[in-house]
Amino acid sequence: MRSRRSDYWVTFPEGLCGRGADVLALTDRLKEDLPQMLAEHQAIVVALEKLSAAAKNAGMTEYVEFARMLELHARTEEEVMYPAAVLVGSMSAS
């Protein structure tokens, strides 16, 4: 499952470099897209849990580790990166 929203936000930090006027537009777009992105993350985590269980049963530890790392990546985006980006926008607006 690949989302154009995710593709866009992967380049978000690049969009901040030297383009201060665009920060508010980017963070507004992030706030708008965030509910859908979080829903997509939920679906991805469910699929990763299934992958991990099947891989564990098949003795494929490298796939179990892959699923664990991807889940950690999603959690880091949700708990650190996205809130930090929204905070940058709110601080830039004031």
PDB file of N, CA and C in Angstrom:
ATOM      1  N   MET A   1       0.853  -1.168   0.000  1.00  0.00           N
ATOM      2  CA  MET A   1       0.000   0.000   0.000  1.00  0.00           C
ATOM      3  C   MET A   1       0.904   1.237   0.000  1.00  0.00           C
ATOM      4  N   ARG A   2       0.810   2.035  -1.021  1.00  0.00           N
ATOM      5  CA  ARG A   2       1.635   3.240  -1.116  1.00  0.00           C
ATOM      6  C   ARG A   2       0.711   4.434  -1.260  1.00  0.00           C
ATOM      7  N   SER A   3       0.952   5.430  -0.471  1.00  0.00           N
ATOM      8  CA  SER A   3       0.095   6.606  -0.453  1.00  0.00           C
ATOM      9  C   SER A   3       0.826   7.807  -1.023  1.00  0.00           C
ATOM     10  N   ARG A   4       0.142   8.557  -1.852  1.00  0.00           N
ATOM     11  CA  ARG A   4       0.742   9.794  -2.342  1.00  0.00           C
ATOM     12  C   ARG A   4       0.952  10.769  -1.195  1.00  0.00           C
ATOM     13  N   ARG A   5       0.096  10.714  -0.186  1.00  0.00           N
ATOM     14  CA  ARG A   5       0.281  11.578   0.988  1.00  0.00           C
ATOM     15  C   ARG A   5       1.627  11.272   1.641  1.00  0.00           C
ATOM     16  N   SER A   6       1.909   9.987   1.814  1.00  0.00           N
ATOM     17  CA  SER A   6       3.182   9.597   2.431  1.00  0.00           C
ATOM     18  C   SER A   6       4.352  10.040   1.575  1.00  0.00           C
ATOM     19  N   ASP A   7       4.243   9.870   0.262  1.00  0.00           N
ATOM     20  CA  ASP A   7       5.318  10.303  -0.627  1.00  0.00           C
ATOM     21  C   ASP A   7       5.565  11.790  -0.467  1.00  0.00           C
ATOM     22  N   TYR A   8       4.499  12.567  -0.370  1.00  0.00           N
ATOM     23  CA  TYR A   8       4.631  14.016  -0.226  1.00  0.00           C
ATOM     24  C   TYR A   8       5.316  14.366   1.085  1.00  0.00           C
ATOM     25  N   TRP A   9       4.903  13.724   2.160  1.00  0.00           N
ATOM     26  CA  TRP A   9       5.428  14.105   3.471  1.00  0.00           C
ATOM     27  C   TRP A   9       6.839  13.602   3.719  1.00  0.00           C
ATOM     28  N   VAL A  10       7.285  12.619   2.961  1.00  0.00           N
ATOM     29  CA  VAL A  10       8.675  12.182   3.092  1.00  0.00           C
ATOM     30  C   VAL A  10       9.609  13.333   2.741  1.00  0.00           C
ATOM     31  N   THR A  11       9.204  14.205   1.825  1.00  0.00           N
ATOM     32  CA  THR A  11      10.040  15.325   1.408  1.00  0.00           C
ATOM     33  C   THR A  11       9.760  16.590   2.214  1.00  0.00           C
ATOM     34  N   PHE A  12       8.921  16.514   3.224  1.00  0.00           N
ATOM     35  CA  PHE A  12       8.543  17.693   4.000  1.00  0.00           C
ATOM     36  C   PHE A  12       9.738  18.475   4.530  1.00  0.00           C
ATOM     37  N   PRO A  13      10.744  17.853   5.161  1.00  0.00           N
ATOM     38  CA  PRO A  13      11.870  18.653   5.665  1.00  0.00           C
ATOM     39  C   PRO A  13      12.584  19.423   4.557  1.00  0.00           C
ATOM     40  N   GLU A  14      12.686  18.832   3.356  1.00  0.00           N
ATOM     41  CA  GLU A  14      13.298  19.552   2.250  1.00  0.00           C
ATOM     42  C   GLU A  14      12.504  20.810   1.941  1.00  0.00           C
ATOM     43  N   GLY A  15      11.198  20.728   2.076  1.00  0.00           N
ATOM     44  CA  GLY A  15      10.338  21.868   1.795  1.00  0.00           C
ATOM     45  C   GLY A  15      10.538  23.004   2.770  1.00  0.00           C
ATOM     46  N   LEU A  16      11.103  22.721   3.924  1.00  0.00           N
ATOM     47  CA  LEU A  16      11.351  23.762   4.912  1.00  0.00           C
ATOM     48  C   LEU A  16      12.613  24.557   4.621  1.00  0.00           C
ATOM     49  N   CYS A  17      13.532  23.969   3.901  1.00  0.00           N
ATOM     50  CA  CYS A  17      14.845  24.583   3.691  1.00  0.00           C
ATOM     51  C   CYS A  17      14.730  25.782   2.754  1.00  0.00           C
ATOM     52  N   GLY A  18      14.993  26.959   3.296  1.00  0.00           N
ATOM     53  CA  GLY A  18      15.038  28.154   2.487  1.00  0.00           C
ATOM     54  C   GLY A  18      13.705  28.618   1.947  1.00  0.00           C
ATOM     55  N   ARG A  19      12.620  28.134   2.493  1.00  0.00           N
ATOM     56  CA  ARG A  19      11.305  28.481   1.984  1.00  0.00           C
ATOM     57  C   ARG A  19      10.373  28.789   3.145  1.00  0.00           C
ATOM     58  N   GLY A  20      10.774  29.732   3.998  1.00  0.00           N
ATOM     59  CA  GLY A  20      10.017  30.042   5.200  1.00  0.00           C
ATOM     60  C   GLY A  20       8.559  30.344   4.956  1.00  0.00           C
ATOM     61  N   ALA A  21       8.242  31.005   3.846  1.00  0.00           N
ATOM     62  CA  ALA A  21       6.853  31.353   3.562  1.00  0.00           C
ATOM     63  C   ALA A  21       6.008  30.107   3.317  1.00  0.00           C
ATOM     64  N   ASP A  22       6.650  29.043   2.879  1.00  0.00           N
ATOM     65  CA  ASP A  22       5.908  27.809   2.582  1.00  0.00           C
ATOM     66  C   ASP A  22       5.632  26.964   3.821  1.00  0.00           C
ATOM     67  N   VAL A  23       6.287  27.270   4.938  1.00  0.00           N
ATOM     68  CA  VAL A  23       6.136  26.447   6.138  1.00  0.00           C
ATOM     69  C   VAL A  23       4.679  26.377   6.565  1.00  0.00           C
ATOM     70  N   LEU A  24       4.004  27.493   6.607  1.00  0.00           N
ATOM     71  CA  LEU A  24       2.608  27.495   7.040  1.00  0.00           C
ATOM     72  C   LEU A  24       1.732  26.689   6.099  1.00  0.00           C
ATOM     73  N   ALA A  25       1.959  26.816   4.812  1.00  0.00           N
ATOM     74  CA  ALA A  25       1.172  26.043   3.848  1.00  0.00           C
ATOM     75  C   ALA A  25       1.418  24.550   4.029  1.00  0.00           C
ATOM     76  N   LEU A  26       2.673  24.176   4.236  1.00  0.00           N
ATOM     77  CA  LEU A  26       2.997  22.757   4.423  1.00  0.00           C
ATOM     78  C   LEU A  26       2.394  22.202   5.701  1.00  0.00           C
ATOM     79  N   THR A  27       2.503  22.954   6.789  1.00  0.00           N
ATOM     80  CA  THR A  27       1.960  22.426   8.043  1.00  0.00           C
ATOM     81  C   THR A  27       0.439  22.427   8.031  1.00  0.00           C
ATOM     82  N   ASP A  28      -0.167  23.387   7.352  1.00  0.00           N
ATOM     83  CA  ASP A  28      -1.630  23.355   7.204  1.00  0.00           C
ATOM     84  C   ASP A  28      -2.052  22.123   6.423  1.00  0.00           C
ATOM     85  N   ARG A  29      -1.294  21.802   5.383  1.00  0.00           N
ATOM     86  CA  ARG A  29      -1.614  20.615   4.588  1.00  0.00           C
ATOM     87  C   ARG A  29      -1.412  19.347   5.425  1.00  0.00           C
ATOM     88  N   LEU A  30      -0.354  19.328   6.229  1.00  0.00           N
ATOM     89  CA  LEU A  30      -0.130  18.180   7.101  1.00  0.00           C
ATOM     90  C   LEU A  30      -1.296  17.999   8.060  1.00  0.00           C
ATOM     91  N   LYS A  31      -1.733  19.078   8.691  1.00  0.00           N
ATOM     92  CA  LYS A  31      -2.865  18.982   9.629  1.00  0.00           C
ATOM     93  C   LYS A  31      -4.113  18.456   8.917  1.00  0.00           C
ATOM     94  N   GLU A  32      -4.298  18.883   7.681  1.00  0.00           N
ATOM     95  CA  GLU A  32      -5.456  18.437   6.902  1.00  0.00           C
ATOM     96  C   GLU A  32      -5.347  16.952   6.547  1.00  0.00           C
ATOM     97  N   ASP A  33      -4.151  16.509   6.168  1.00  0.00           N
ATOM     98  CA  ASP A  33      -3.936  15.123   5.734  1.00  0.00           C
ATOM     99  C   ASP A  33      -3.744  14.146   6.890  1.00  0.00           C
ATOM    100  N   LEU A  34      -3.444  14.644   8.067  1.00  0.00           N
ATOM    101  CA  LEU A  34      -3.052  13.785   9.186  1.00  0.00           C
ATOM    102  C   LEU A  34      -4.067  12.694   9.529  1.00  0.00           C
ATOM    103  N   PRO A  35      -5.365  12.987   9.633  1.00  0.00           N
ATOM    104  CA  PRO A  35      -6.293  11.891   9.970  1.00  0.00           C
ATOM    105  C   PRO A  35      -6.236  10.726   8.979  1.00  0.00           C
ATOM    106  N   GLN A  36      -6.155  11.032   7.691  1.00  0.00           N
ATOM    107  CA  GLN A  36      -6.078   9.973   6.680  1.00  0.00           C
ATOM    108  C   GLN A  36      -4.754   9.227   6.781  1.00  0.00           C
ATOM    109  N   MET A  37      -3.681   9.954   7.003  1.00  0.00           N
ATOM    110  CA  MET A  37      -2.370   9.314   7.131  1.00  0.00           C
ATOM    111  C   MET A  37      -2.341   8.374   8.329  1.00  0.00           C
ATOM    112  N   LEU A  38      -2.935   8.793   9.452  1.00  0.00           N
ATOM    113  CA  LEU A  38      -2.967   7.938  10.644  1.00  0.00           C
ATOM    114  C   LEU A  38      -3.829   6.701  10.407  1.00  0.00           C
ATOM    115  N   ALA A  39      -4.912   6.863   9.667  1.00  0.00           N
ATOM    116  CA  ALA A  39      -5.759   5.707   9.326  1.00  0.00           C
ATOM    117  C   ALA A  39      -4.978   4.730   8.439  1.00  0.00           C
ATOM    118  N   GLU A  40      -4.206   5.266   7.501  1.00  0.00           N
ATOM    119  CA  GLU A  40      -3.376   4.408   6.650  1.00  0.00           C
ATOM    120  C   GLU A  40      -2.326   3.682   7.488  1.00  0.00           C
ATOM    121  N   HIS A  41      -1.747   4.383   8.450  1.00  0.00           N
ATOM    122  CA  HIS A  41      -0.770   3.748   9.342  1.00  0.00           C
ATOM    123  C   HIS A  41      -1.419   2.599  10.108  1.00  0.00           C
ATOM    124  N   GLN A  42      -2.644   2.794  10.579  1.00  0.00           N
ATOM    125  CA  GLN A  42      -3.343   1.720  11.308  1.00  0.00           C
ATOM    126  C   GLN A  42      -3.482   0.484  10.426  1.00  0.00           C
ATOM    127  N   ALA A  43      -3.886   0.688   9.183  1.00  0.00           N
ATOM    128  CA  ALA A  43      -4.052  -0.443   8.262  1.00  0.00           C
ATOM    129  C   ALA A  43      -2.702  -1.126   7.999  1.00  0.00           C
ATOM    130  N   ILE A  44      -1.662  -0.333   7.869  1.00  0.00           N
ATOM    131  CA  ILE A  44      -0.326  -0.890   7.633  1.00  0.00           C
ATOM    132  C   ILE A  44       0.133  -1.704   8.841  1.00  0.00           C
ATOM    133  N   VAL A  45      -0.110  -1.197  10.041  1.00  0.00           N
ATOM    134  CA  VAL A  45       0.306  -1.915  11.257  1.00  0.00           C
ATOM    135  C   VAL A  45      -0.437  -3.239  11.374  1.00  0.00           C
ATOM    136  N   VAL A  46      -1.716  -3.259  11.041  1.00  0.00           N
ATOM    137  CA  VAL A  46      -2.478  -4.510  11.072  1.00  0.00           C
ATOM    138  C   VAL A  46      -1.848  -5.520  10.092  1.00  0.00           C
ATOM    139  N   ALA A  47      -1.510  -5.057   8.890  1.00  0.00           N
ATOM    140  CA  ALA A  47      -0.883  -5.944   7.903  1.00  0.00           C
ATOM    141  C   ALA A  47       0.490  -6.417   8.395  1.00  0.00           C
ATOM    142  N   LEU A  48       1.238  -5.524   9.035  1.00  0.00           N
ATOM    143  CA  LEU A  48       2.558  -5.907   9.557  1.00  0.00           C
ATOM    144  C   LEU A  48       2.446  -6.926  10.685  1.00  0.00           C
ATOM    145  N   GLU A  49       1.420  -6.811  11.506  1.00  0.00           N
ATOM    146  CA  GLU A  49       1.208  -7.795  12.571  1.00  0.00           C
ATOM    147  C   GLU A  49       0.939  -9.171  11.976  1.00  0.00           C
ATOM    148  N   LYS A  50       0.151  -9.207  10.897  1.00  0.00           N
ATOM    149  CA  LYS A  50      -0.121 -10.482  10.218  1.00  0.00           C
ATOM    150  C   LYS A  50       1.157 -11.038   9.586  1.00  0.00           C
ATOM    151  N   LEU A  51       1.923 -10.163   8.949  1.00  0.00           N
ATOM    152  CA  LEU A  51       3.193 -10.573   8.356  1.00  0.00           C
ATOM    153  C   LEU A  51       4.120 -11.131   9.425  1.00  0.00           C
ATOM    154  N   SER A  52       4.215 -10.443  10.534  1.00  0.00           N
ATOM    155  CA  SER A  52       5.102 -10.865  11.613  1.00  0.00           C
ATOM    156  C   SER A  52       4.697 -12.234  12.160  1.00  0.00           C
ATOM    157  N   ALA A  53       3.409 -12.428  12.363  1.00  0.00           N
ATOM    158  CA  ALA A  53       2.933 -13.717  12.884  1.00  0.00           C
ATOM    159  C   ALA A  53       3.236 -14.851  11.900  1.00  0.00           C
ATOM    160  N   ALA A  54       2.971 -14.614  10.619  1.00  0.00           N
ATOM    161  CA  ALA A  54       3.235 -15.645   9.611  1.00  0.00           C
ATOM    162  C   ALA A  54       4.734 -15.918   9.499  1.00  0.00           C
ATOM    163  N   ALA A  55       5.519 -14.862   9.539  1.00  0.00           N
ATOM    164  CA  ALA A  55       6.975 -15.033   9.441  1.00  0.00           C
ATOM    165  C   ALA A  55       7.517 -15.778  10.656  1.00  0.00           C
ATOM    166  N   LYS A  56       6.984 -15.458  11.822  1.00  0.00           N
ATOM    167  CA  LYS A  56       7.429 -16.152  13.042  1.00  0.00           C
ATOM    168  C   LYS A  56       7.127 -17.640  12.940  1.00  0.00           C
ATOM    169  N   ASN A  57       5.917 -17.964  12.477  1.00  0.00           N
ATOM    170  CA  ASN A  57       5.525 -19.372  12.322  1.00  0.00           C
ATOM    171  C   ASN A  57       6.395 -20.089  11.299  1.00  0.00           C
ATOM    172  N   ALA A  58       6.877 -19.356  10.298  1.00  0.00           N
ATOM    173  CA  ALA A  58       7.712 -19.952   9.248  1.00  0.00           C
ATOM    174  C   ALA A  58       9.193 -19.899   9.592  1.00  0.00           C
ATOM    175  N   GLY A  59       9.525 -19.326  10.759  1.00  0.00           N
ATOM    176  CA  GLY A  59      10.920 -19.244  11.161  1.00  0.00           C
ATOM    177  C   GLY A  59      11.726 -18.231  10.362  1.00  0.00           C
ATOM    178  N   MET A  60      11.050 -17.241   9.811  1.00  0.00           N
ATOM    179  CA  MET A  60      11.711 -16.223   8.981  1.00  0.00           C
ATOM    180  C   MET A  60      11.947 -14.968   9.825  1.00  0.00           C
ATOM    181  N   THR A  61      12.964 -15.044  10.653  1.00  0.00           N
ATOM    182  CA  THR A  61      13.203 -13.975  11.628  1.00  0.00           C
ATOM    183  C   THR A  61      13.521 -12.634  10.981  1.00  0.00           C
ATOM    184  N   GLU A  62      14.103 -12.645   9.792  1.00  0.00           N
ATOM    185  CA  GLU A  62      14.413 -11.372   9.135  1.00  0.00           C
ATOM    186  C   GLU A  62      13.135 -10.610   8.783  1.00  0.00           C
ATOM    187  N   TYR A  63      12.052 -11.329   8.481  1.00  0.00           N
ATOM    188  CA  TYR A  63      10.781 -10.674   8.182  1.00  0.00           C
ATOM    189  C   TYR A  63      10.095 -10.198   9.461  1.00  0.00           C
ATOM    190  N   VAL A  64      10.267 -10.936  10.525  1.00  0.00           N
ATOM    191  CA  VAL A  64       9.739 -10.495  11.826  1.00  0.00           C
ATOM    192  C   VAL A  64      10.416  -9.181  12.210  1.00  0.00           C
ATOM    193  N   GLU A  65      11.721  -9.119  12.043  1.00  0.00           N
ATOM    194  CA  GLU A  65      12.471  -7.900  12.362  1.00  0.00           C
ATOM    195  C   GLU A  65      12.074  -6.748  11.445  1.00  0.00           C
ATOM    196  N   PHE A  66      11.882  -7.031  10.168  1.00  0.00           N
ATOM    197  CA  PHE A  66      11.433  -6.007   9.221  1.00  0.00           C
ATOM    198  C   PHE A  66      10.102  -5.413   9.670  1.00  0.00           C
ATOM    199  N   ALA A  67       9.159  -6.260  10.022  1.00  0.00           N
ATOM    200  CA  ALA A  67       7.846  -5.792  10.461  1.00  0.00           C
ATOM    201  C   ALA A  67       7.974  -4.951  11.731  1.00  0.00           C
ATOM    202  N   ARG A  68       8.817  -5.388  12.653  1.00  0.00           N
ATOM    203  CA  ARG A  68       9.015  -4.647  13.903  1.00  0.00           C
ATOM    204  C   ARG A  68       9.596  -3.260  13.632  1.00  0.00           C
ATOM    205  N   MET A  69      10.583  -3.210  12.763  1.00  0.00           N
ATOM    206  CA  MET A  69      11.221  -1.929  12.450  1.00  0.00           C
ATOM    207  C   MET A  69      10.270  -0.984  11.704  1.00  0.00           C
ATOM    208  N   LEU A  70       9.459  -1.524  10.819  1.00  0.00           N
ATOM    209  CA  LEU A  70       8.509  -0.680  10.102  1.00  0.00           C
ATOM    210  C   LEU A  70       7.414  -0.163  11.033  1.00  0.00           C
ATOM    211  N   GLU A  71       6.987  -0.986  11.972  1.00  0.00           N
ATOM    212  CA  GLU A  71       6.025  -0.522  12.973  1.00  0.00           C
ATOM    213  C   GLU A  71       6.639   0.595  13.823  1.00  0.00           C
ATOM    214  N   LEU A  72       7.892   0.438  14.198  1.00  0.00           N
ATOM    215  CA  LEU A  72       8.589   1.474  14.967  1.00  0.00           C
ATOM    216  C   LEU A  72       8.698   2.761  14.156  1.00  0.00           C
ATOM    217  N   HIS A  73       8.985   2.632  12.884  1.00  0.00           N
ATOM    218  CA  HIS A  73       9.057   3.799  12.005  1.00  0.00           C
ATOM    219  C   HIS A  73       7.721   4.548  11.984  1.00  0.00           C
ATOM    220  N   ALA A  74       6.641   3.813  11.814  1.00  0.00           N
ATOM    221  CA  ALA A  74       5.310   4.440  11.791  1.00  0.00           C
ATOM    222  C   ALA A  74       5.014   5.133  13.119  1.00  0.00           C
ATOM    223  N   ARG A  75       5.337   4.472  14.222  1.00  0.00           N
ATOM    224  CA  ARG A  75       5.092   5.054  15.543  1.00  0.00           C
ATOM    225  C   ARG A  75       5.920   6.323  15.745  1.00  0.00           C
ATOM    226  N   THR A  76       7.158   6.308  15.279  1.00  0.00           N
ATOM    227  CA  THR A  76       8.016   7.493  15.394  1.00  0.00           C
ATOM    228  C   THR A  76       7.436   8.656  14.592  1.00  0.00           C
ATOM    229  N   GLU A  77       6.955   8.375  13.396  1.00  0.00           N
ATOM    230  CA  GLU A  77       6.314   9.435  12.617  1.00  0.00           C
ATOM    231  C   GLU A  77       5.109   9.997  13.358  1.00  0.00           C
ATOM    232  N   GLU A  78       4.270   9.116  13.884  1.00  0.00           N
ATOM    233  CA  GLU A  78       3.036   9.544  14.545  1.00  0.00           C
ATOM    234  C   GLU A  78       3.296  10.297  15.849  1.00  0.00           C
ATOM    235  N   GLU A  79       4.276   9.838  16.623  1.00  0.00           N
ATOM    236  CA  GLU A  79       4.482  10.394  17.962  1.00  0.00           C
ATOM    237  C   GLU A  79       5.511  11.513  18.013  1.00  0.00           C
ATOM    238  N   VAL A  80       6.394  11.586  17.003  1.00  0.00           N
ATOM    239  CA  VAL A  80       7.464  12.584  17.049  1.00  0.00           C
ATOM    240  C   VAL A  80       7.428  13.506  15.828  1.00  0.00           C
ATOM    241  N   MET A  81       7.579  12.933  14.652  1.00  0.00           N
ATOM    242  CA  MET A  81       7.772  13.749  13.455  1.00  0.00           C
ATOM    243  C   MET A  81       6.559  14.604  13.101  1.00  0.00           C
ATOM    244  N   TYR A  82       5.384  13.992  13.018  1.00  0.00           N
ATOM    245  CA  TYR A  82       4.202  14.762  12.632  1.00  0.00           C
ATOM    246  C   TYR A  82       3.865  15.837  13.669  1.00  0.00           C
ATOM    247  N   PRO A  83       3.854  15.491  14.974  1.00  0.00           N
ATOM    248  CA  PRO A  83       3.595  16.559  15.954  1.00  0.00           C
ATOM    249  C   PRO A  83       4.643  17.670  15.904  1.00  0.00           C
ATOM    250  N   ALA A  84       5.904  17.312  15.682  1.00  0.00           N
ATOM    251  CA  ALA A  84       6.954  18.332  15.601  1.00  0.00           C
ATOM    252  C   ALA A  84       6.720  19.249  14.401  1.00  0.00           C
ATOM    253  N   ALA A  85       6.323  18.683  13.288  1.00  0.00           N
ATOM    254  CA  ALA A  85       6.061  19.496  12.096  1.00  0.00           C
ATOM    255  C   ALA A  85       4.881  20.432  12.327  1.00  0.00           C
ATOM    256  N   VAL A  86       3.839  19.945  12.974  1.00  0.00           N
ATOM    257  CA  VAL A  86       2.685  20.793  13.288  1.00  0.00           C
ATOM    258  C   VAL A  86       3.105  21.904  14.246  1.00  0.00           C
ATOM    259  N   LEU A  87       3.940  21.577  15.208  1.00  0.00           N
ATOM    260  CA  LEU A  87       4.437  22.571  16.162  1.00  0.00           C
ATOM    261  C   LEU A  87       5.243  23.660  15.445  1.00  0.00           C
ATOM    262  N   VAL A  88       6.075  23.259  14.500  1.00  0.00           N
ATOM    263  CA  VAL A  88       6.844  24.230  13.720  1.00  0.00           C
ATOM    264  C   VAL A  88       5.886  25.199  13.023  1.00  0.00           C
ATOM    265  N   GLY A  89       4.835  24.662  12.461  1.00  0.00           N
ATOM    266  CA  GLY A  89       3.861  25.530  11.785  1.00  0.00           C
ATOM    267  C   GLY A  89       3.162  26.476  12.721  1.00  0.00           C
ATOM    268  N   SER A  90       2.778  25.976  13.893  1.00  0.00           N
ATOM    269  CA  SER A  90       2.082  26.860  14.833  1.00  0.00           C
ATOM    270  C   SER A  90       3.022  27.913  15.399  1.00  0.00           C
ATOM    271  N   MET A  91       4.292  27.574  15.573  1.00  0.00           N
ATOM    272  CA  MET A  91       5.258  28.564  16.048  1.00  0.00           C
ATOM    273  C   MET A  91       5.572  29.595  14.968  1.00  0.00           C
ATOM    274  N   SER A  92       5.574  29.153  13.713  1.00  0.00           N
ATOM    275  CA  SER A  92       5.835  30.067  12.609  1.00  0.00           C
ATOM    276  C   SER A  92       4.672  31.028  12.401  1.00  0.00           C
ATOM    277  N   ALA A  93       3.470  30.574  12.741  1.00  0.00           N
ATOM    278  CA  ALA A  93       2.282  31.417  12.561  1.00  0.00           C
ATOM    279  C   ALA A  93       2.213  32.524  13.591  1.00  0.00           C
ATOM    280  N   SER A  94       2.869  32.319  14.750  1.00  0.00           N
ATOM    281  CA  SER A  94       2.764  33.337  15.802  1.00  0.00           C
ATOM    282  C   SER A  94       3.845  34.384  15.723  1.00  0.00           C
TER     283      SER A  94
END
